[in-house]
Amino acid sequence: MAVLYIGLDDTDSRQGMCTTYVAALILERLGSLGVRALDFPHLIRLNPNCPYKTRGNAAISFIVDVDEDMLDRVKETVLKTVEENYERGFEDTQPGIAFLKSPSIPARLVEFGLKAVREMVTLGEALEVANEVNVELHG
């Protein structure tokens, strides 16, 4: 078994949709595959002062327990669900999905997460941290 952290953001627009709803769809589909969530989904409130946020400026993360041979199928299900459901037609809507296969969250990632809540971070910073801690990104 593997512990897989999944992060999701920016599937909404100022006009509609909801990242929390997309996460609920993902968890429902993963459940039908026999994938078990290890905790409730986490709502991550990012800096509310971000000038280019869509609506609430929150991301969602959740943790699942997955058989190693199901990892690719789980990732495909997540990516397909986001592709089918994100709010299209808005320049500000740029979905991002992150996968981290790890028994725990690396300290460097926790540090970056706190910075994203308290300050403004750049895409470059996010990519650098993801690379350092082996987070697989899709956007």
N, C-alpha and C. Protein backbone atom coordinates (compact mmCIF):
# COMPACT_ATOMS: atom_id res chain seq x y z
N MET A 1 0.84 -1.19 0.00
CA MET A 1 0.00 0.00 0.00
C MET A 1 0.88 1.25 0.00
N ALA A 2 0.35 2.30 -0.58
CA ALA A 2 1.05 3.58 -0.64
C ALA A 2 0.12 4.67 -0.13
N VAL A 3 0.70 5.65 0.53
CA VAL A 3 -0.05 6.83 0.95
C VAL A 3 0.15 7.88 -0.13
N LEU A 4 -0.96 8.38 -0.67
CA LEU A 4 -0.91 9.38 -1.73
C LEU A 4 -1.65 10.63 -1.29
N TYR A 5 -0.92 11.74 -1.24
CA TYR A 5 -1.51 13.04 -0.96
C TYR A 5 -1.91 13.65 -2.30
N ILE A 6 -3.12 14.19 -2.36
CA ILE A 6 -3.62 14.79 -3.58
C ILE A 6 -4.05 16.22 -3.25
N GLY A 7 -3.54 17.17 -4.01
CA GLY A 7 -3.93 18.57 -3.85
C GLY A 7 -4.61 19.07 -5.10
N LEU A 8 -5.57 19.97 -4.92
CA LEU A 8 -6.38 20.45 -6.04
C LEU A 8 -6.71 21.92 -5.81
N ASP A 9 -6.58 22.71 -6.86
CA ASP A 9 -6.93 24.13 -6.73
C ASP A 9 -7.37 24.69 -8.07
N ASP A 10 -8.15 25.75 -7.97
CA ASP A 10 -8.50 26.62 -9.09
C ASP A 10 -9.32 25.94 -10.18
N THR A 11 -10.38 25.25 -9.77
CA THR A 11 -11.30 24.68 -10.76
C THR A 11 -12.53 25.56 -10.92
N ASP A 12 -12.61 26.64 -10.13
CA ASP A 12 -13.77 27.53 -10.15
C ASP A 12 -13.45 28.81 -10.92
N SER A 13 -14.45 29.66 -11.04
CA SER A 13 -14.28 31.00 -11.60
C SER A 13 -15.03 31.96 -10.69
N ARG A 14 -14.98 33.23 -10.99
CA ARG A 14 -15.75 34.19 -10.21
C ARG A 14 -17.26 34.00 -10.44
N GLN A 15 -17.62 33.28 -11.52
CA GLN A 15 -19.02 33.08 -11.86
C GLN A 15 -19.59 31.76 -11.32
N GLY A 16 -18.75 30.78 -11.04
CA GLY A 16 -19.32 29.52 -10.59
C GLY A 16 -18.32 28.41 -10.40
N MET A 17 -18.87 27.22 -10.21
CA MET A 17 -18.18 25.97 -9.89
C MET A 17 -17.52 26.11 -8.52
N CYS A 18 -16.98 25.01 -8.03
CA CYS A 18 -16.43 24.99 -6.68
C CYS A 18 -15.38 23.88 -6.60
N THR A 19 -14.19 24.22 -6.17
CA THR A 19 -13.11 23.24 -6.06
C THR A 19 -13.48 22.15 -5.05
N THR A 20 -14.20 22.53 -3.99
CA THR A 20 -14.64 21.54 -3.01
C THR A 20 -15.57 20.51 -3.65
N TYR A 21 -16.44 20.96 -4.53
CA TYR A 21 -17.35 20.05 -5.23
C TYR A 21 -16.56 19.09 -6.13
N VAL A 22 -15.59 19.60 -6.85
CA VAL A 22 -14.77 18.74 -7.72
C VAL A 22 -14.04 17.69 -6.87
N ALA A 23 -13.54 18.10 -5.71
CA ALA A 23 -12.87 17.15 -4.81
C ALA A 23 -13.85 16.07 -4.35
N ALA A 24 -15.09 16.46 -4.05
CA ALA A 24 -16.09 15.47 -3.64
C ALA A 24 -16.36 14.46 -4.76
N LEU A 25 -16.42 14.94 -6.00
CA LEU A 25 -16.60 14.03 -7.14
C LEU A 25 -15.42 13.06 -7.25
N ILE A 26 -14.22 13.60 -7.07
CA ILE A 26 -13.02 12.75 -7.14
C ILE A 26 -13.08 11.66 -6.07
N LEU A 27 -13.38 12.04 -4.85
CA LEU A 27 -13.42 11.06 -3.76
C LEU A 27 -14.51 10.01 -4.00
N GLU A 28 -15.62 10.42 -4.57
CA GLU A 28 -16.69 9.47 -4.90
C GLU A 28 -16.20 8.47 -5.94
N ARG A 29 -15.55 8.97 -6.97
CA ARG A 29 -15.05 8.07 -8.03
C ARG A 29 -13.95 7.16 -7.52
N LEU A 30 -13.06 7.70 -6.67
CA LEU A 30 -12.00 6.86 -6.11
C LEU A 30 -12.58 5.78 -5.19
N GLY A 31 -13.62 6.14 -4.45
CA GLY A 31 -14.29 5.16 -3.59
C GLY A 31 -14.86 4.02 -4.39
N SER A 32 -15.38 4.31 -5.58
CA SER A 32 -15.94 3.25 -6.42
C SER A 32 -14.85 2.33 -6.96
N LEU A 33 -13.60 2.80 -6.92
CA LEU A 33 -12.46 1.97 -7.31
C LEU A 33 -11.90 1.17 -6.13
N GLY A 34 -12.49 1.40 -4.95
CA GLY A 34 -12.01 0.71 -3.75
C GLY A 34 -10.88 1.45 -3.04
N VAL A 35 -10.66 2.70 -3.42
CA VAL A 35 -9.60 3.51 -2.79
C VAL A 35 -10.18 4.16 -1.55
N ARG A 36 -9.46 4.05 -0.45
CA ARG A 36 -9.93 4.52 0.84
C ARG A 36 -9.25 5.82 1.24
N ALA A 37 -10.06 6.82 1.61
CA ALA A 37 -9.52 8.07 2.14
C ALA A 37 -9.06 7.82 3.57
N LEU A 38 -7.91 8.39 3.95
CA LEU A 38 -7.37 8.21 5.29
C LEU A 38 -7.83 9.28 6.26
N ASP A 39 -8.46 10.32 5.76
CA ASP A 39 -8.91 11.43 6.60
C ASP A 39 -9.97 12.18 5.81
N PHE A 40 -10.62 13.12 6.47
CA PHE A 40 -11.52 14.02 5.77
C PHE A 40 -10.70 14.93 4.86
N PRO A 41 -11.28 15.43 3.78
CA PRO A 41 -10.56 16.40 2.95
C PRO A 41 -10.21 17.65 3.78
N HIS A 42 -9.12 18.26 3.44
CA HIS A 42 -8.67 19.47 4.13
C HIS A 42 -8.91 20.68 3.23
N LEU A 43 -9.58 21.68 3.77
CA LEU A 43 -9.77 22.95 3.08
C LEU A 43 -8.62 23.86 3.47
N ILE A 44 -7.86 24.32 2.50
CA ILE A 44 -6.70 25.16 2.76
C ILE A 44 -7.00 26.58 2.30
N ARG A 45 -7.21 27.45 3.25
CA ARG A 45 -7.51 28.84 2.94
C ARG A 45 -6.20 29.55 2.63
N LEU A 46 -6.06 29.97 1.39
CA LEU A 46 -4.86 30.69 0.97
C LEU A 46 -5.02 32.18 1.26
N ASN A 47 -4.01 32.94 1.00
CA ASN A 47 -4.03 34.37 1.31
C ASN A 47 -5.24 35.02 0.64
N PRO A 48 -6.16 35.58 1.43
CA PRO A 48 -7.37 36.17 0.86
C PRO A 48 -7.13 37.48 0.12
N ASN A 49 -5.94 38.04 0.25
CA ASN A 49 -5.62 39.31 -0.41
C ASN A 49 -5.05 39.13 -1.81
N CYS A 50 -5.01 37.91 -2.29
CA CYS A 50 -4.46 37.64 -3.61
C CYS A 50 -5.31 38.33 -4.68
N PRO A 51 -4.71 39.22 -5.48
CA PRO A 51 -5.50 39.98 -6.45
C PRO A 51 -6.00 39.14 -7.63
N TYR A 52 -5.41 37.99 -7.88
CA TYR A 52 -5.82 37.18 -9.03
C TYR A 52 -6.52 35.89 -8.61
N LYS A 53 -7.08 35.87 -7.40
CA LYS A 53 -7.85 34.71 -6.96
C LYS A 53 -9.14 34.61 -7.77
N THR A 54 -9.73 33.44 -7.76
CA THR A 54 -11.02 33.30 -8.44
C THR A 54 -12.14 33.72 -7.49
N ARG A 55 -12.46 32.89 -6.50
CA ARG A 55 -13.52 33.28 -5.55
C ARG A 55 -12.98 33.25 -4.13
N GLY A 56 -13.06 32.12 -3.47
CA GLY A 56 -12.70 32.05 -2.06
C GLY A 56 -11.22 31.90 -1.80
N ASN A 57 -10.45 31.59 -2.83
CA ASN A 57 -9.01 31.37 -2.72
C ASN A 57 -8.67 30.27 -1.73
N ALA A 58 -9.28 29.12 -1.94
CA ALA A 58 -8.99 27.95 -1.11
C ALA A 58 -8.65 26.77 -2.01
N ALA A 59 -7.78 25.94 -1.50
CA ALA A 59 -7.41 24.70 -2.18
C ALA A 59 -7.94 23.54 -1.33
N ILE A 60 -7.93 22.35 -1.90
CA ILE A 60 -8.38 21.15 -1.21
C ILE A 60 -7.26 20.12 -1.27
N SER A 61 -7.05 19.42 -0.16
CA SER A 61 -6.14 18.28 -0.20
C SER A 61 -6.81 17.11 0.51
N PHE A 62 -6.42 15.92 0.10
CA PHE A 62 -6.90 14.73 0.77
C PHE A 62 -5.85 13.64 0.62
N ILE A 63 -5.97 12.65 1.49
CA ILE A 63 -4.98 11.58 1.56
C ILE A 63 -5.71 10.26 1.30
N VAL A 64 -5.14 9.45 0.44
CA VAL A 64 -5.74 8.15 0.16
C VAL A 64 -4.71 7.05 0.35
N ASP A 65 -5.21 5.87 0.65
CA ASP A 65 -4.41 4.67 0.78
C ASP A 65 -4.64 3.85 -0.47
N VAL A 66 -3.59 3.56 -1.20
CA VAL A 66 -3.72 2.99 -2.54
C VAL A 66 -2.77 1.81 -2.72
N ASP A 67 -3.26 0.77 -3.37
CA ASP A 67 -2.36 -0.31 -3.78
C ASP A 67 -1.40 0.26 -4.81
N GLU A 68 -0.16 -0.14 -4.73
CA GLU A 68 0.86 0.36 -5.67
C GLU A 68 0.42 0.17 -7.13
N ASP A 69 -0.21 -0.95 -7.42
CA ASP A 69 -0.61 -1.23 -8.80
C ASP A 69 -1.80 -0.38 -9.26
N MET A 70 -2.40 0.39 -8.34
CA MET A 70 -3.54 1.26 -8.68
C MET A 70 -3.14 2.73 -8.79
N LEU A 71 -1.88 3.05 -8.51
CA LEU A 71 -1.46 4.46 -8.49
C LEU A 71 -1.78 5.18 -9.80
N ASP A 72 -1.42 4.60 -10.91
CA ASP A 72 -1.67 5.27 -12.20
C ASP A 72 -3.16 5.45 -12.45
N ARG A 73 -3.96 4.45 -12.11
CA ARG A 73 -5.41 4.55 -12.31
C ARG A 73 -6.01 5.64 -11.42
N VAL A 74 -5.53 5.75 -10.21
CA VAL A 74 -6.00 6.80 -9.30
C VAL A 74 -5.67 8.17 -9.88
N LYS A 75 -4.44 8.35 -10.32
CA LYS A 75 -4.04 9.64 -10.89
C LYS A 75 -4.87 9.96 -12.14
N GLU A 76 -5.07 8.98 -13.00
CA GLU A 76 -5.88 9.18 -14.20
C GLU A 76 -7.31 9.59 -13.84
N THR A 77 -7.86 8.98 -12.82
CA THR A 77 -9.23 9.30 -12.38
C THR A 77 -9.31 10.74 -11.87
N VAL A 78 -8.33 11.14 -11.10
CA VAL A 78 -8.29 12.52 -10.58
C VAL A 78 -8.19 13.50 -11.74
N LEU A 79 -7.24 13.28 -12.64
CA LEU A 79 -7.03 14.19 -13.77
C LEU A 79 -8.26 14.26 -14.67
N LYS A 80 -8.88 13.12 -14.92
CA LYS A 80 -10.07 13.09 -15.79
C LYS A 80 -11.23 13.82 -15.13
N THR A 81 -11.41 13.65 -13.84
CA THR A 81 -12.51 14.31 -13.13
C THR A 81 -12.33 15.82 -13.16
N VAL A 82 -11.12 16.29 -12.96
CA VAL A 82 -10.86 17.74 -13.03
C VAL A 82 -11.11 18.24 -14.45
N GLU A 83 -10.61 17.52 -15.43
CA GLU A 83 -10.78 17.93 -16.83
C GLU A 83 -12.26 18.03 -17.20
N GLU A 84 -13.06 17.12 -16.71
CA GLU A 84 -14.48 17.10 -17.04
C GLU A 84 -15.29 18.18 -16.30
N ASN A 85 -14.77 18.68 -15.18
CA ASN A 85 -15.60 19.51 -14.32
C ASN A 85 -15.10 20.92 -14.04
N TYR A 86 -13.90 21.27 -14.43
CA TYR A 86 -13.45 22.62 -14.08
C TYR A 86 -14.21 23.67 -14.90
N GLU A 87 -14.26 24.88 -14.38
CA GLU A 87 -14.99 25.99 -14.99
C GLU A 87 -14.22 26.50 -16.20
N ARG A 88 -14.71 26.21 -17.39
CA ARG A 88 -14.03 26.60 -18.63
C ARG A 88 -14.41 28.01 -19.06
N GLY A 89 -13.56 28.60 -19.89
CA GLY A 89 -13.88 29.86 -20.52
C GLY A 89 -13.50 31.09 -19.72
N PHE A 90 -12.72 30.91 -18.65
CA PHE A 90 -12.30 32.04 -17.83
C PHE A 90 -10.78 32.02 -17.73
N GLU A 91 -10.16 33.12 -18.11
CA GLU A 91 -8.70 33.22 -18.10
C GLU A 91 -8.11 32.95 -16.72
N ASP A 92 -8.83 33.38 -15.67
CA ASP A 92 -8.32 33.22 -14.31
C ASP A 92 -8.42 31.79 -13.79
N THR A 93 -9.18 30.93 -14.46
CA THR A 93 -9.33 29.55 -14.01
C THR A 93 -8.23 28.71 -14.63
N GLN A 94 -7.31 28.29 -13.78
CA GLN A 94 -6.17 27.49 -14.23
C GLN A 94 -5.96 26.34 -13.25
N PRO A 95 -6.70 25.23 -13.42
CA PRO A 95 -6.64 24.14 -12.46
C PRO A 95 -5.22 23.60 -12.28
N GLY A 96 -4.95 23.22 -11.04
CA GLY A 96 -3.68 22.60 -10.71
C GLY A 96 -3.94 21.39 -9.83
N ILE A 97 -3.20 20.32 -10.10
CA ILE A 97 -3.32 19.08 -9.33
C ILE A 97 -1.92 18.67 -8.92
N ALA A 98 -1.79 18.26 -7.66
CA ALA A 98 -0.50 17.81 -7.14
C ALA A 98 -0.66 16.43 -6.52
N PHE A 99 0.34 15.58 -6.78
CA PHE A 99 0.38 14.24 -6.19
C PHE A 99 1.70 14.08 -5.46
N LEU A 100 1.62 13.59 -4.23
CA LEU A 100 2.82 13.28 -3.45
C LEU A 100 2.65 11.90 -2.86
N LYS A 101 3.48 10.97 -3.28
CA LYS A 101 3.49 9.63 -2.70
C LYS A 101 4.54 9.63 -1.61
N SER A 102 4.07 9.59 -0.37
CA SER A 102 4.98 9.69 0.76
C SER A 102 4.24 9.29 2.03
N PRO A 103 4.93 8.70 2.99
CA PRO A 103 4.26 8.38 4.25
C PRO A 103 3.91 9.62 5.08
N SER A 104 4.56 10.74 4.79
CA SER A 104 4.27 11.99 5.51
C SER A 104 4.62 13.18 4.63
N ILE A 105 4.17 14.35 5.06
CA ILE A 105 4.44 15.57 4.30
C ILE A 105 5.82 16.10 4.69
N PRO A 106 6.71 16.31 3.72
CA PRO A 106 8.04 16.83 4.04
C PRO A 106 7.98 18.21 4.70
N ALA A 107 8.88 18.46 5.63
CA ALA A 107 8.93 19.74 6.36
C ALA A 107 9.02 20.92 5.40
N ARG A 108 9.75 20.79 4.32
CA ARG A 108 9.90 21.88 3.35
C ARG A 108 8.55 22.23 2.72
N LEU A 109 7.72 21.23 2.49
CA LEU A 109 6.40 21.47 1.91
C LEU A 109 5.47 22.12 2.94
N VAL A 110 5.55 21.71 4.18
CA VAL A 110 4.76 22.33 5.25
C VAL A 110 5.13 23.80 5.36
N GLU A 111 6.42 24.09 5.34
CA GLU A 111 6.92 25.47 5.42
C GLU A 111 6.38 26.31 4.26
N PHE A 112 6.41 25.77 3.06
CA PHE A 112 5.90 26.49 1.89
C PHE A 112 4.39 26.70 2.00
N GLY A 113 3.68 25.69 2.48
CA GLY A 113 2.24 25.80 2.65
C GLY A 113 1.86 26.93 3.59
N LEU A 114 2.59 27.06 4.69
CA LEU A 114 2.32 28.16 5.62
C LEU A 114 2.61 29.51 4.98
N LYS A 115 3.64 29.57 4.18
CA LYS A 115 3.95 30.82 3.48
C LYS A 115 2.82 31.18 2.51
N ALA A 116 2.27 30.18 1.82
CA ALA A 116 1.18 30.44 0.86
C ALA A 116 -0.08 30.94 1.55
N VAL A 117 -0.28 30.56 2.79
CA VAL A 117 -1.44 31.02 3.55
C VAL A 117 -1.23 32.46 4.04
N ARG A 118 0.01 32.78 4.39
CA ARG A 118 0.30 34.06 5.05
C ARG A 118 0.79 35.15 4.11
N GLU A 119 1.36 34.77 2.99
CA GLU A 119 1.99 35.73 2.08
C GLU A 119 1.59 35.41 0.65
N MET A 120 2.16 36.14 -0.26
CA MET A 120 2.00 35.84 -1.68
C MET A 120 3.20 34.98 -2.10
N VAL A 121 2.95 33.94 -2.87
CA VAL A 121 4.01 33.11 -3.40
C VAL A 121 3.91 33.12 -4.92
N THR A 122 5.01 32.86 -5.56
CA THR A 122 5.03 32.85 -7.02
C THR A 122 4.94 31.42 -7.55
N LEU A 123 4.55 31.32 -8.79
CA LEU A 123 4.52 30.01 -9.44
C LEU A 123 5.93 29.41 -9.44
N GLY A 124 6.93 30.23 -9.66
CA GLY A 124 8.31 29.75 -9.65
C GLY A 124 8.69 29.12 -8.32
N GLU A 125 8.28 29.76 -7.22
CA GLU A 125 8.56 29.19 -5.89
C GLU A 125 7.86 27.85 -5.73
N ALA A 126 6.61 27.78 -6.16
CA ALA A 126 5.85 26.54 -6.03
C ALA A 126 6.51 25.41 -6.84
N LEU A 127 6.93 25.72 -8.04
CA LEU A 127 7.58 24.71 -8.88
C LEU A 127 8.90 24.25 -8.27
N GLU A 128 9.64 25.17 -7.71
CA GLU A 128 10.92 24.84 -7.08
C GLU A 128 10.72 23.90 -5.89
N VAL A 129 9.77 24.22 -5.04
CA VAL A 129 9.50 23.38 -3.87
C VAL A 129 8.98 22.01 -4.31
N ALA A 130 8.08 21.99 -5.27
CA ALA A 130 7.55 20.71 -5.77
C ALA A 130 8.67 19.83 -6.28
N ASN A 131 9.60 20.42 -7.00
CA ASN A 131 10.74 19.67 -7.51
C ASN A 131 11.61 19.13 -6.38
N GLU A 132 11.85 19.95 -5.36
CA GLU A 132 12.69 19.55 -4.23
C GLU A 132 12.12 18.34 -3.49
N VAL A 133 10.80 18.29 -3.35
CA VAL A 133 10.19 17.24 -2.52
C VAL A 133 9.47 16.16 -3.34
N ASN A 134 9.71 16.17 -4.65
CA ASN A 134 9.15 15.14 -5.56
C ASN A 134 7.63 15.14 -5.64
N VAL A 135 7.05 16.32 -5.71
CA VAL A 135 5.61 16.43 -5.96
C VAL A 135 5.41 16.42 -7.47
N GLU A 136 4.48 15.60 -7.92
CA GLU A 136 4.13 15.51 -9.33
C GLU A 136 3.01 16.53 -9.59
N LEU A 137 3.25 17.47 -10.49
CA LEU A 137 2.28 18.53 -10.76
C LEU A 137 1.64 18.38 -12.14
N HIS A 138 0.37 18.76 -12.21
CA HIS A 138 -0.36 18.81 -13.48
C HIS A 138 -1.17 20.09 -13.49
N GLY A 139 -1.22 20.75 -14.63
CA GLY A 139 -2.00 21.98 -14.70
C GLY A 139 -2.38 22.28 -16.13
